[in-house]
Amino acid sequence: MKNIITILLVLLTVIVTGQSTVTSAETDPRMLAVFTTTVDRCPSGWREVEYAQGRMVMGTTDINRVKHQQGKPVQYGHAPLHSHKINTTLQPKALAAGGNKNNYVFMKTNAAADNQLAFDGPIRVTGHTTEMGKTLVSYGNVPYRKMLICEEREEKKSRIADRLPGQVVAFFNGKSCPPSWQPFKPLDGRYVLPNPLNARADQVGKEIGQALPLVKGGRRKTEHVHDITVGSGLDDGIAVPVELNAKSRKYHTNWSSVAIDKIPKQIVKTAGSGPEVPIVEMLACYKKDGKQESAKHFPQGLSIFFLGGKNCPSQWDEYTPSRGYYLIGLPMAPDNSERVNGFNVGSQLKDMSLISHLHSVTMNLDIPVHNYYSGFWKAFPRTETYGGSGKYEFKGTSLPEPAALPYVSVTHCHIPERRSRGSGERAR
């Protein structure tokens, strides 16, 4: 009878409040941790986080976004890549003789001649960008390190978070931070990044870059655009081919007129794109104070993100291989074979900044039919379609642009591995 009453009370709560009971993971949040062990399996009492495989963990303080995913997971042996489309127009103007020399150069041998150069319409630009760098997997030289991410199993009686030292940030899979922890707002919309190589002690915990905002559809805005400088005869941009220039045309035995189509130096923008970084958002929490416990209470290879300076707490060592690298959950190997835990792609970030990248560019210009109007003392006006019309392809590079990868700089500390650990399981 007592059990029946309990069930009825639970059902009544659901009907009246519209809420259901929560799972144990929501009421008893479990920590996610990066493991630095050489083996690709989690230790006893932990399981691999499948929903973080091939993804970067981004912090959130919105409990409704915990485990929210965006993008496709990175495959084993690869890094996130992206490219941009180009679909814009150059903006020419119809200029009379002696007009703005920054736009077109009009040359003639008879200053009294009434000559005019005019385009019938804008110049359409299309094209695409490709990755710069020695290898595609380096994605614009943004540094990544793929590492094993595990979470505590729910049936464990003692939470690891209760025994960690103070001044630590961590990610949790629940709807609230554990006791003695509080939401960590600086990581909302940002990643953790182990200190860049030249970071100072007073820069640990510093926020770099604007947090990624939420846009329509509940996704994070990761897009950026690149500027491309184009123009005729440029040394500091993409030079338009000389074939676009109109040639001279004689109109009289004693006089000739030359109109040179000179594309003015101007900036065009690519379409927004990438980086196609696959994201999973987890609850970011901070522990201000904590009693230091013996390393024997922690599994070997367990790592933490420390904000108390560049020196790790007692009995913890800095995990130096991750300095200046964004962390991505270790993907599964294509054939489910043994994986290498902890390998880098891209170049290590050395300074407290967002790394910039650029692209090689292939552009297609569609030059419409255009006229220059020529007359001799206004007596013999002629309109000629001449020079430069048609389709052209040329190549160059874009201007650099920082990637949308904001972060909080942390000291990455771990319990050094002394022997291999047993295998665990994976969390879906």
Protein backbone atom coordinates (compact mmCIF):
# COMPACT_ATOMS: atom_id res chain seq x y z
CA MET A 1 0.00 0.00 0.00
CA LYS A 2 2.83 2.38 0.93
CA ASN A 3 4.53 1.76 -2.44
CA ILE A 4 1.31 2.46 -4.31
CA ILE A 5 0.89 5.78 -2.50
CA THR A 6 4.48 6.74 -3.35
CA ILE A 7 3.94 5.98 -7.04
CA LEU A 8 0.71 8.02 -7.06
CA LEU A 9 2.50 10.99 -5.47
CA VAL A 10 5.24 10.89 -8.12
CA LEU A 11 2.67 10.76 -10.92
CA LEU A 12 0.74 13.62 -9.35
CA THR A 13 3.93 15.70 -9.26
CA VAL A 14 4.53 15.08 -12.96
CA ILE A 15 0.96 16.07 -13.86
CA VAL A 16 0.85 19.22 -11.73
CA THR A 17 4.36 20.57 -12.40
CA GLY A 18 5.00 19.12 -15.87
CA GLN A 19 8.34 17.83 -14.63
CA SER A 20 9.64 14.31 -14.32
CA THR A 21 12.16 12.93 -11.89
CA VAL A 22 15.81 13.44 -12.87
CA THR A 23 18.49 10.85 -13.25
CA SER A 24 21.18 10.18 -10.71
CA ALA A 25 23.74 11.85 -12.98
CA GLU A 26 21.70 15.07 -12.83
CA THR A 27 21.42 15.09 -9.05
CA ASP A 28 24.90 13.69 -8.47
CA PRO A 29 27.08 15.20 -11.22
CA ARG A 30 30.15 13.28 -12.27
CA MET A 31 33.35 14.85 -13.46
CA LEU A 32 34.88 14.54 -16.90
CA ALA A 33 38.64 14.30 -16.93
CA VAL A 34 41.39 14.15 -19.52
CA PHE A 35 43.69 11.18 -18.93
CA THR A 36 47.34 11.30 -19.93
CA THR A 37 48.03 7.56 -19.80
CA THR A 38 49.60 5.95 -22.83
CA VAL A 39 46.88 3.29 -23.01
CA ASP A 40 43.61 4.21 -24.70
CA ARG A 41 41.31 2.84 -21.98
CA CYS A 42 39.90 4.50 -18.89
CA PRO A 43 40.96 3.25 -15.44
CA SER A 44 38.74 1.23 -13.14
CA GLY A 45 35.73 3.22 -11.93
CA TRP A 46 35.78 5.41 -15.04
CA ARG A 47 34.44 5.02 -18.56
CA GLU A 48 35.26 6.72 -21.84
CA VAL A 49 32.94 9.53 -22.87
CA GLU A 50 31.68 8.51 -26.29
CA TYR A 51 29.79 11.77 -26.76
CA ALA A 52 33.13 13.61 -26.49
CA GLN A 53 35.04 11.43 -28.95
CA GLY A 54 36.34 13.62 -31.77
CA ARG A 55 34.94 16.76 -30.11
CA MET A 56 36.26 19.73 -28.20
CA VAL A 57 34.64 20.28 -24.81
CA MET A 58 33.24 23.79 -24.47
CA GLY A 59 32.11 25.20 -21.16
CA THR A 60 28.58 26.30 -20.37
CA THR A 61 26.76 27.50 -17.29
CA ASP A 62 23.33 26.87 -18.86
CA ILE A 63 22.13 23.53 -17.51
CA ASN A 64 19.89 23.09 -20.56
CA ARG A 65 22.94 22.98 -22.85
CA VAL A 66 24.82 20.21 -21.06
CA LYS A 67 25.82 17.53 -23.63
CA HIS A 68 24.64 19.77 -26.50
CA GLN A 69 26.58 18.79 -29.64
CA GLN A 70 27.43 20.75 -32.77
CA GLY A 71 29.26 19.64 -35.90
CA LYS A 72 30.53 16.25 -36.99
CA PRO A 73 33.16 14.46 -34.88
CA VAL A 74 36.74 14.58 -36.10
CA GLN A 75 37.99 11.28 -37.43
CA TYR A 76 41.04 9.52 -36.05
CA GLY A 77 44.20 10.92 -37.60
CA HIS A 78 42.53 14.11 -38.84
CA ALA A 79 41.89 17.66 -37.62
CA PRO A 80 38.98 20.05 -38.26
CA LEU A 81 39.20 21.64 -41.72
CA HIS A 82 37.25 24.36 -43.46
CA SER A 83 37.20 26.49 -46.60
CA HIS A 84 35.28 29.55 -47.82
CA LYS A 85 33.26 30.37 -50.92
CA ILE A 86 33.66 33.64 -52.75
CA ASN A 87 30.62 35.20 -54.37
CA THR A 88 30.70 38.95 -54.61
CA THR A 89 31.17 41.83 -57.07
CA LEU A 90 33.77 44.46 -57.78
CA GLN A 91 32.33 47.95 -58.02
CA PRO A 92 33.56 49.86 -61.12
CA LYS A 93 32.33 53.33 -62.05
CA ALA A 94 31.84 54.92 -65.46
CA LEU A 95 34.45 57.69 -65.56
CA ALA A 96 34.93 60.51 -68.00
CA ALA A 97 38.39 61.28 -69.33
CA GLY A 98 40.63 62.69 -66.63
CA GLY A 99 38.52 61.08 -63.92
CA ASN A 100 39.58 59.41 -60.70
CA LYS A 101 42.97 57.84 -61.36
CA ASN A 102 42.55 55.54 -58.39
CA ASN A 103 39.85 53.73 -60.34
CA TYR A 104 40.86 53.84 -63.98
CA VAL A 105 43.78 55.25 -65.91
CA PHE A 106 42.66 56.88 -69.13
CA MET A 107 45.43 57.81 -71.52
CA LYS A 108 45.12 59.73 -74.77
CA THR A 109 47.38 61.59 -77.13
CA ASN A 110 44.95 64.43 -77.77
CA ALA A 111 43.79 66.27 -74.64
CA ALA A 112 40.92 67.88 -76.47
CA ALA A 113 39.35 64.61 -77.48
CA ASP A 114 36.05 63.78 -75.76
CA ASN A 115 36.63 60.20 -74.71
CA GLN A 116 34.80 58.12 -72.11
CA LEU A 117 35.36 54.70 -70.57
CA ALA A 118 32.25 52.97 -69.23
CA PHE A 119 31.30 49.53 -67.90
CA ASP A 120 27.84 48.17 -68.49
CA GLY A 121 27.66 46.53 -65.07
CA PRO A 122 29.53 45.25 -62.03
CA ILE A 123 32.19 42.58 -62.29
CA ARG A 124 31.07 39.28 -60.83
CA VAL A 125 33.60 37.46 -58.67
CA THR A 126 33.29 33.80 -57.72
CA GLY A 127 35.75 31.26 -56.44
CA HIS A 128 36.88 29.31 -53.43
CA THR A 129 39.66 29.00 -50.89
CA THR A 130 41.79 26.05 -50.00
CA GLU A 131 43.88 25.30 -46.96
CA MET A 132 47.31 26.85 -46.57
CA GLY A 133 50.14 25.06 -44.90
CA LYS A 134 52.21 21.98 -45.52
CA THR A 135 49.45 19.54 -44.63
CA LEU A 136 45.68 19.73 -44.67
CA VAL A 137 45.40 18.10 -41.25
CA SER A 138 46.99 21.12 -39.59
CA TYR A 139 43.91 23.22 -40.41
CA GLY A 140 45.42 26.64 -40.82
CA ASN A 141 48.06 25.75 -38.27
CA VAL A 142 45.60 25.72 -35.36
CA PRO A 143 47.12 23.37 -32.74
CA TYR A 144 45.16 20.35 -31.49
CA ARG A 145 46.01 17.47 -29.15
CA LYS A 146 43.77 14.42 -29.11
CA MET A 147 43.38 12.87 -25.68
CA LEU A 148 41.33 10.29 -23.82
CA ILE A 149 38.35 11.80 -21.95
CA CYS A 150 36.69 9.74 -19.23
CA GLU A 151 33.89 10.28 -16.71
CA GLU A 152 33.25 8.75 -13.31
CA ARG A 153 30.78 5.91 -13.14
CA GLU A 154 27.59 6.71 -11.23
CA GLU A 155 27.92 3.78 -8.84
CA LYS A 156 31.13 5.10 -7.31
CA LYS A 157 30.52 6.01 -3.67
CA SER A 158 33.15 8.74 -3.42
CA ARG A 159 33.37 11.54 -5.97
CA ILE A 160 36.80 12.48 -7.23
CA ALA A 161 35.73 16.14 -7.20
CA ASP A 162 35.46 16.09 -3.39
CA ARG A 163 39.17 15.23 -3.04
CA LEU A 164 40.70 17.60 -5.59
CA PRO A 165 42.76 20.61 -4.50
CA GLY A 166 41.41 24.16 -4.74
CA GLN A 167 41.70 26.65 -7.62
CA VAL A 168 40.66 24.00 -10.14
CA VAL A 169 38.14 24.18 -13.00
CA ALA A 170 36.47 21.05 -14.36
CA PHE A 171 33.60 19.89 -16.57
CA PHE A 172 30.62 17.95 -15.23
CA ASN A 173 27.83 15.93 -16.82
CA GLY A 174 25.03 17.00 -14.46
CA LYS A 175 22.58 19.85 -14.01
CA SER A 176 24.45 21.44 -11.12
CA CYS A 177 27.97 21.74 -9.77
CA PRO A 178 28.95 19.42 -6.89
CA PRO A 179 29.06 20.72 -3.31
CA SER A 180 31.97 23.18 -2.77
CA TRP A 181 32.00 23.93 -6.51
CA GLN A 182 30.34 26.83 -8.35
CA PRO A 183 29.55 27.64 -11.99
CA PHE A 184 32.55 29.13 -13.78
CA LYS A 185 31.27 31.93 -16.03
CA PRO A 186 34.56 32.69 -17.88
CA LEU A 187 34.33 29.26 -19.58
CA ASP A 188 30.80 29.88 -20.85
CA GLY A 189 31.27 29.71 -24.64
CA ARG A 190 35.02 29.11 -24.36
CA TYR A 191 37.46 26.18 -24.34
CA VAL A 192 40.29 25.40 -21.94
CA LEU A 193 43.75 25.74 -23.40
CA PRO A 194 46.84 24.52 -21.51
CA ASN A 195 49.10 27.55 -21.11
CA PRO A 196 50.82 28.70 -24.32
CA LEU A 197 54.56 28.20 -24.27
CA ASN A 198 55.47 31.77 -23.26
CA ALA A 199 52.57 32.43 -20.89
CA ARG A 200 53.45 34.18 -17.63
CA ALA A 201 52.23 33.10 -14.21
CA ASP A 202 49.92 36.13 -13.97
CA GLN A 203 48.26 35.12 -17.26
CA VAL A 204 46.94 31.77 -15.98
CA GLY A 205 43.16 31.94 -15.99
CA LYS A 206 43.08 34.78 -18.50
CA GLU A 207 40.23 34.87 -21.02
CA ILE A 208 41.34 35.18 -24.64
CA GLY A 209 38.80 36.04 -27.35
CA GLN A 210 35.11 36.75 -27.18
CA ALA A 211 32.91 33.89 -25.98
CA LEU A 212 31.07 32.24 -28.88
CA PRO A 213 27.51 33.64 -28.91
CA LEU A 214 24.36 31.64 -29.47
CA VAL A 215 22.59 32.21 -32.78
CA LYS A 216 19.39 31.04 -34.40
CA GLY A 217 18.70 27.37 -33.86
CA GLY A 218 20.61 27.24 -30.59
CA ARG A 219 24.03 26.77 -32.17
CA ARG A 220 27.28 28.55 -31.37
CA LYS A 221 28.53 31.02 -33.96
CA THR A 222 31.88 29.70 -35.16
CA GLU A 223 31.97 31.39 -38.57
CA HIS A 224 34.48 34.00 -39.67
CA VAL A 225 35.26 35.71 -42.99
CA HIS A 226 38.49 36.65 -44.76
CA ASP A 227 39.32 39.84 -46.65
CA ILE A 228 40.95 39.55 -50.07
CA THR A 229 42.73 42.50 -51.68
CA VAL A 230 42.36 42.63 -55.47
CA GLY A 231 43.33 45.14 -58.12
CA SER A 232 45.38 45.67 -61.22
CA GLY A 233 49.13 45.49 -60.85
CA LEU A 234 49.16 45.05 -57.07
CA ASP A 235 52.25 44.11 -55.12
CA ASP A 236 50.32 43.71 -51.84
CA GLY A 237 47.29 41.77 -53.01
CA ILE A 238 45.94 39.65 -55.84
CA ALA A 239 46.92 41.26 -59.13
CA VAL A 240 44.34 41.11 -61.89
CA PRO A 241 45.89 39.61 -65.05
CA VAL A 242 47.17 42.06 -67.65
CA GLU A 243 44.87 40.53 -70.28
CA LEU A 244 42.05 42.56 -68.76
CA ASN A 245 43.55 45.76 -70.16
CA ALA A 246 42.04 47.25 -73.27
CA LYS A 247 44.44 47.94 -76.08
CA SER A 248 44.96 51.04 -78.20
CA ARG A 249 42.80 51.72 -81.22
CA LYS A 250 43.64 54.24 -83.93
CA TYR A 251 40.81 56.49 -85.00
CA HIS A 252 42.80 58.86 -87.20
CA THR A 253 46.12 58.71 -88.92
CA ASN A 254 47.46 61.50 -86.74
CA TRP A 255 45.81 60.54 -83.44
CA SER A 256 45.17 57.49 -81.33
CA SER A 257 43.35 56.82 -78.06
CA VAL A 258 44.28 54.26 -75.44
CA ALA A 259 41.89 53.15 -72.68
CA ILE A 260 43.35 50.94 -69.95
CA ASP A 261 40.87 49.02 -67.82
CA LYS A 262 42.45 49.16 -64.38
CA ILE A 263 40.59 47.30 -61.65
CA PRO A 264 40.82 49.61 -58.63
CA LYS A 265 42.43 48.26 -55.48
CA GLN A 266 39.61 47.07 -53.26
CA ILE A 267 38.65 44.53 -50.63
CA VAL A 268 36.27 41.64 -51.27
CA LYS A 269 35.11 39.30 -48.54
CA THR A 270 34.69 35.56 -48.52
CA ALA A 271 31.53 33.92 -47.31
CA GLY A 272 31.45 32.93 -43.66
CA SER A 273 32.68 29.48 -42.78
CA GLY A 274 34.19 27.32 -40.07
CA PRO A 275 36.17 26.40 -38.31
CA GLU A 276 34.15 23.22 -38.42
CA VAL A 277 35.13 22.40 -34.86
CA PRO A 278 32.89 19.67 -33.43
CA ILE A 279 31.66 20.78 -30.00
CA VAL A 280 30.11 19.17 -26.97
CA GLU A 281 29.12 21.54 -24.16
CA MET A 282 29.55 20.54 -20.53
CA LEU A 283 28.88 22.26 -17.22
CA ALA A 284 31.94 24.32 -16.23
CA CYS A 285 32.56 24.52 -12.47
CA TYR A 286 35.22 26.02 -10.21
CA LYS A 287 36.51 24.86 -6.84
CA LYS A 288 38.06 27.66 -4.83
CA ASP A 289 39.29 25.75 -1.78
CA GLY A 290 40.21 22.13 -1.22
CA LYS A 291 42.37 19.99 0.98
CA GLN A 292 45.35 18.42 -0.71
CA GLU A 293 45.15 14.61 -0.61
CA SER A 294 47.78 12.02 -1.33
CA ALA A 295 48.33 11.11 -4.96
CA LYS A 296 47.62 7.47 -4.09
CA HIS A 297 43.89 8.40 -3.91
CA PHE A 298 43.83 9.35 -7.59
CA PRO A 299 44.10 7.14 -10.68
CA GLN A 300 47.32 7.47 -12.58
CA GLY A 301 47.09 9.78 -15.56
CA LEU A 302 44.22 11.81 -14.08
CA SER A 303 44.62 15.47 -15.05
CA ILE A 304 43.13 18.74 -13.80
CA PHE A 305 42.95 22.34 -15.02
CA PHE A 306 44.64 24.52 -12.41
CA LEU A 307 44.23 28.31 -12.07
CA GLY A 308 46.57 28.88 -9.14
CA GLY A 309 49.67 29.69 -11.19
CA LYS A 310 52.11 27.90 -13.48
CA ASN A 311 53.27 25.54 -10.73
CA CYS A 312 50.98 22.56 -10.10
CA PRO A 313 49.78 21.61 -6.60
CA SER A 314 51.92 19.29 -4.49
CA GLN A 315 52.14 15.72 -5.88
CA TRP A 316 50.84 16.88 -9.30
CA ASP A 317 53.14 17.47 -12.28
CA GLU A 318 52.53 19.78 -15.20
CA TYR A 319 51.62 17.84 -18.32
CA THR A 320 53.92 19.74 -20.66
CA PRO A 321 53.07 17.97 -23.98
CA SER A 322 49.71 19.77 -24.06
CA ARG A 323 51.12 23.30 -23.67
CA GLY A 324 49.59 25.56 -26.29
CA TYR A 325 47.30 22.89 -27.76
CA TYR A 326 43.50 22.73 -27.83
CA LEU A 327 42.21 19.40 -26.51
CA ILE A 328 39.97 17.10 -28.55
CA GLY A 329 38.42 13.87 -27.29
CA LEU A 330 40.31 10.88 -28.69
CA PRO A 331 38.29 9.48 -31.64
CA MET A 332 37.83 5.79 -32.23
CA ALA A 333 40.19 4.21 -34.76
CA PRO A 334 38.47 3.13 -38.01
CA ASP A 335 39.02 -0.56 -37.32
CA ASN A 336 38.58 -0.25 -33.52
CA SER A 337 42.28 -0.94 -33.15
CA GLU A 338 44.45 0.41 -30.37
CA ARG A 339 44.79 4.17 -30.47
CA VAL A 340 47.63 6.52 -29.56
CA ASN A 341 46.48 8.67 -26.65
CA GLY A 342 47.93 12.13 -26.94
CA PHE A 343 49.23 13.22 -30.32
CA ASN A 344 49.49 16.73 -31.73
CA VAL A 345 48.60 18.35 -35.04
CA GLY A 346 49.41 21.91 -35.98
CA SER A 347 51.97 24.24 -34.43
CA GLN A 348 52.11 24.96 -30.71
CA LEU A 349 50.59 28.28 -29.63
CA LYS A 350 53.40 30.29 -28.08
CA ASP A 351 51.72 33.54 -27.01
CA MET A 352 48.48 34.54 -25.32
CA SER A 353 46.53 35.21 -28.49
CA LEU A 354 44.20 33.65 -31.01
CA ILE A 355 46.20 32.04 -33.77
CA SER A 356 45.58 33.50 -37.23
CA HIS A 357 45.40 31.59 -40.47
CA LEU A 358 45.01 32.33 -44.16
CA HIS A 359 43.97 30.50 -47.29
CA SER A 360 45.09 30.15 -50.87
CA VAL A 361 42.47 31.60 -53.17
CA THR A 362 41.25 30.79 -56.65
CA MET A 363 39.13 33.60 -58.08
CA ASN A 364 37.05 33.75 -61.22
CA LEU A 365 36.27 37.17 -62.71
CA ASP A 366 33.48 37.55 -65.24
CA ILE A 367 34.22 40.82 -67.05
CA PRO A 368 31.10 41.99 -68.89
CA VAL A 369 31.16 43.57 -72.32
CA HIS A 370 32.10 47.24 -71.90
CA ASN A 371 32.66 50.24 -74.14
CA TYR A 372 34.91 53.19 -74.42
CA TYR A 373 33.45 56.11 -76.36
CA SER A 374 35.88 57.92 -78.59
CA GLY A 375 35.52 60.97 -80.80
CA PHE A 376 37.78 63.31 -82.74
CA TRP A 377 36.97 66.88 -81.78
CA LYS A 378 33.40 65.59 -81.27
CA ALA A 379 33.12 65.34 -84.99
CA PHE A 380 33.34 61.60 -85.53
CA PRO A 381 31.83 59.90 -82.42
CA ARG A 382 32.25 56.15 -82.29
CA THR A 383 31.22 53.53 -79.74
CA GLU A 384 33.38 50.43 -79.73
CA THR A 385 33.02 47.21 -77.73
CA TYR A 386 36.63 46.44 -77.09
CA GLY A 387 39.08 44.82 -74.73
CA GLY A 388 38.96 42.85 -71.53
CA SER A 389 35.55 41.17 -71.60
CA GLY A 390 35.33 37.47 -70.80
CA LYS A 391 36.07 35.06 -67.97
CA TYR A 392 39.39 34.93 -66.17
CA GLU A 393 40.86 32.78 -63.39
CA PHE A 394 43.71 33.84 -61.16
CA LYS A 395 45.14 32.84 -57.79
CA GLY A 396 46.64 34.32 -54.66
CA THR A 397 46.16 34.37 -50.89
CA SER A 398 43.66 35.88 -48.49
CA LEU A 399 44.51 38.15 -45.61
CA PRO A 400 44.97 36.38 -42.25
CA GLU A 401 42.11 36.11 -39.78
CA PRO A 402 41.96 34.70 -36.23
CA ALA A 403 40.00 31.49 -35.77
CA ALA A 404 36.90 31.64 -33.57
CA LEU A 405 38.46 29.56 -30.80
CA PRO A 406 38.24 31.60 -27.56
CA TYR A 407 39.80 30.04 -24.50
CA VAL A 408 40.75 30.30 -20.86
CA SER A 409 44.43 29.62 -20.22
CA VAL A 410 45.00 26.90 -17.59
CA THR A 411 47.90 24.96 -16.13
CA HIS A 412 47.39 21.33 -17.12
CA CYS A 413 48.44 19.13 -14.18
CA HIS A 414 48.35 15.35 -13.89
CA ILE A 415 49.21 12.37 -11.71
CA PRO A 416 52.22 10.85 -13.51
CA GLU A 417 51.76 7.38 -14.91
CA ARG A 418 53.90 4.73 -13.25
CA ARG A 419 52.28 1.60 -14.55
CA SER A 420 49.50 0.54 -16.91
CA ARG A 421 45.96 0.61 -15.63
CA GLY A 422 43.08 -1.76 -16.24
CA SER A 423 40.49 -1.09 -18.90
CA GLY A 424 37.10 0.41 -18.23
CA GLU A 425 34.05 1.06 -20.38
CA ARG A 426 32.64 3.80 -22.55
CA ALA A 427 29.82 6.21 -21.71
CA ARG A 428 27.31 6.94 -24.41
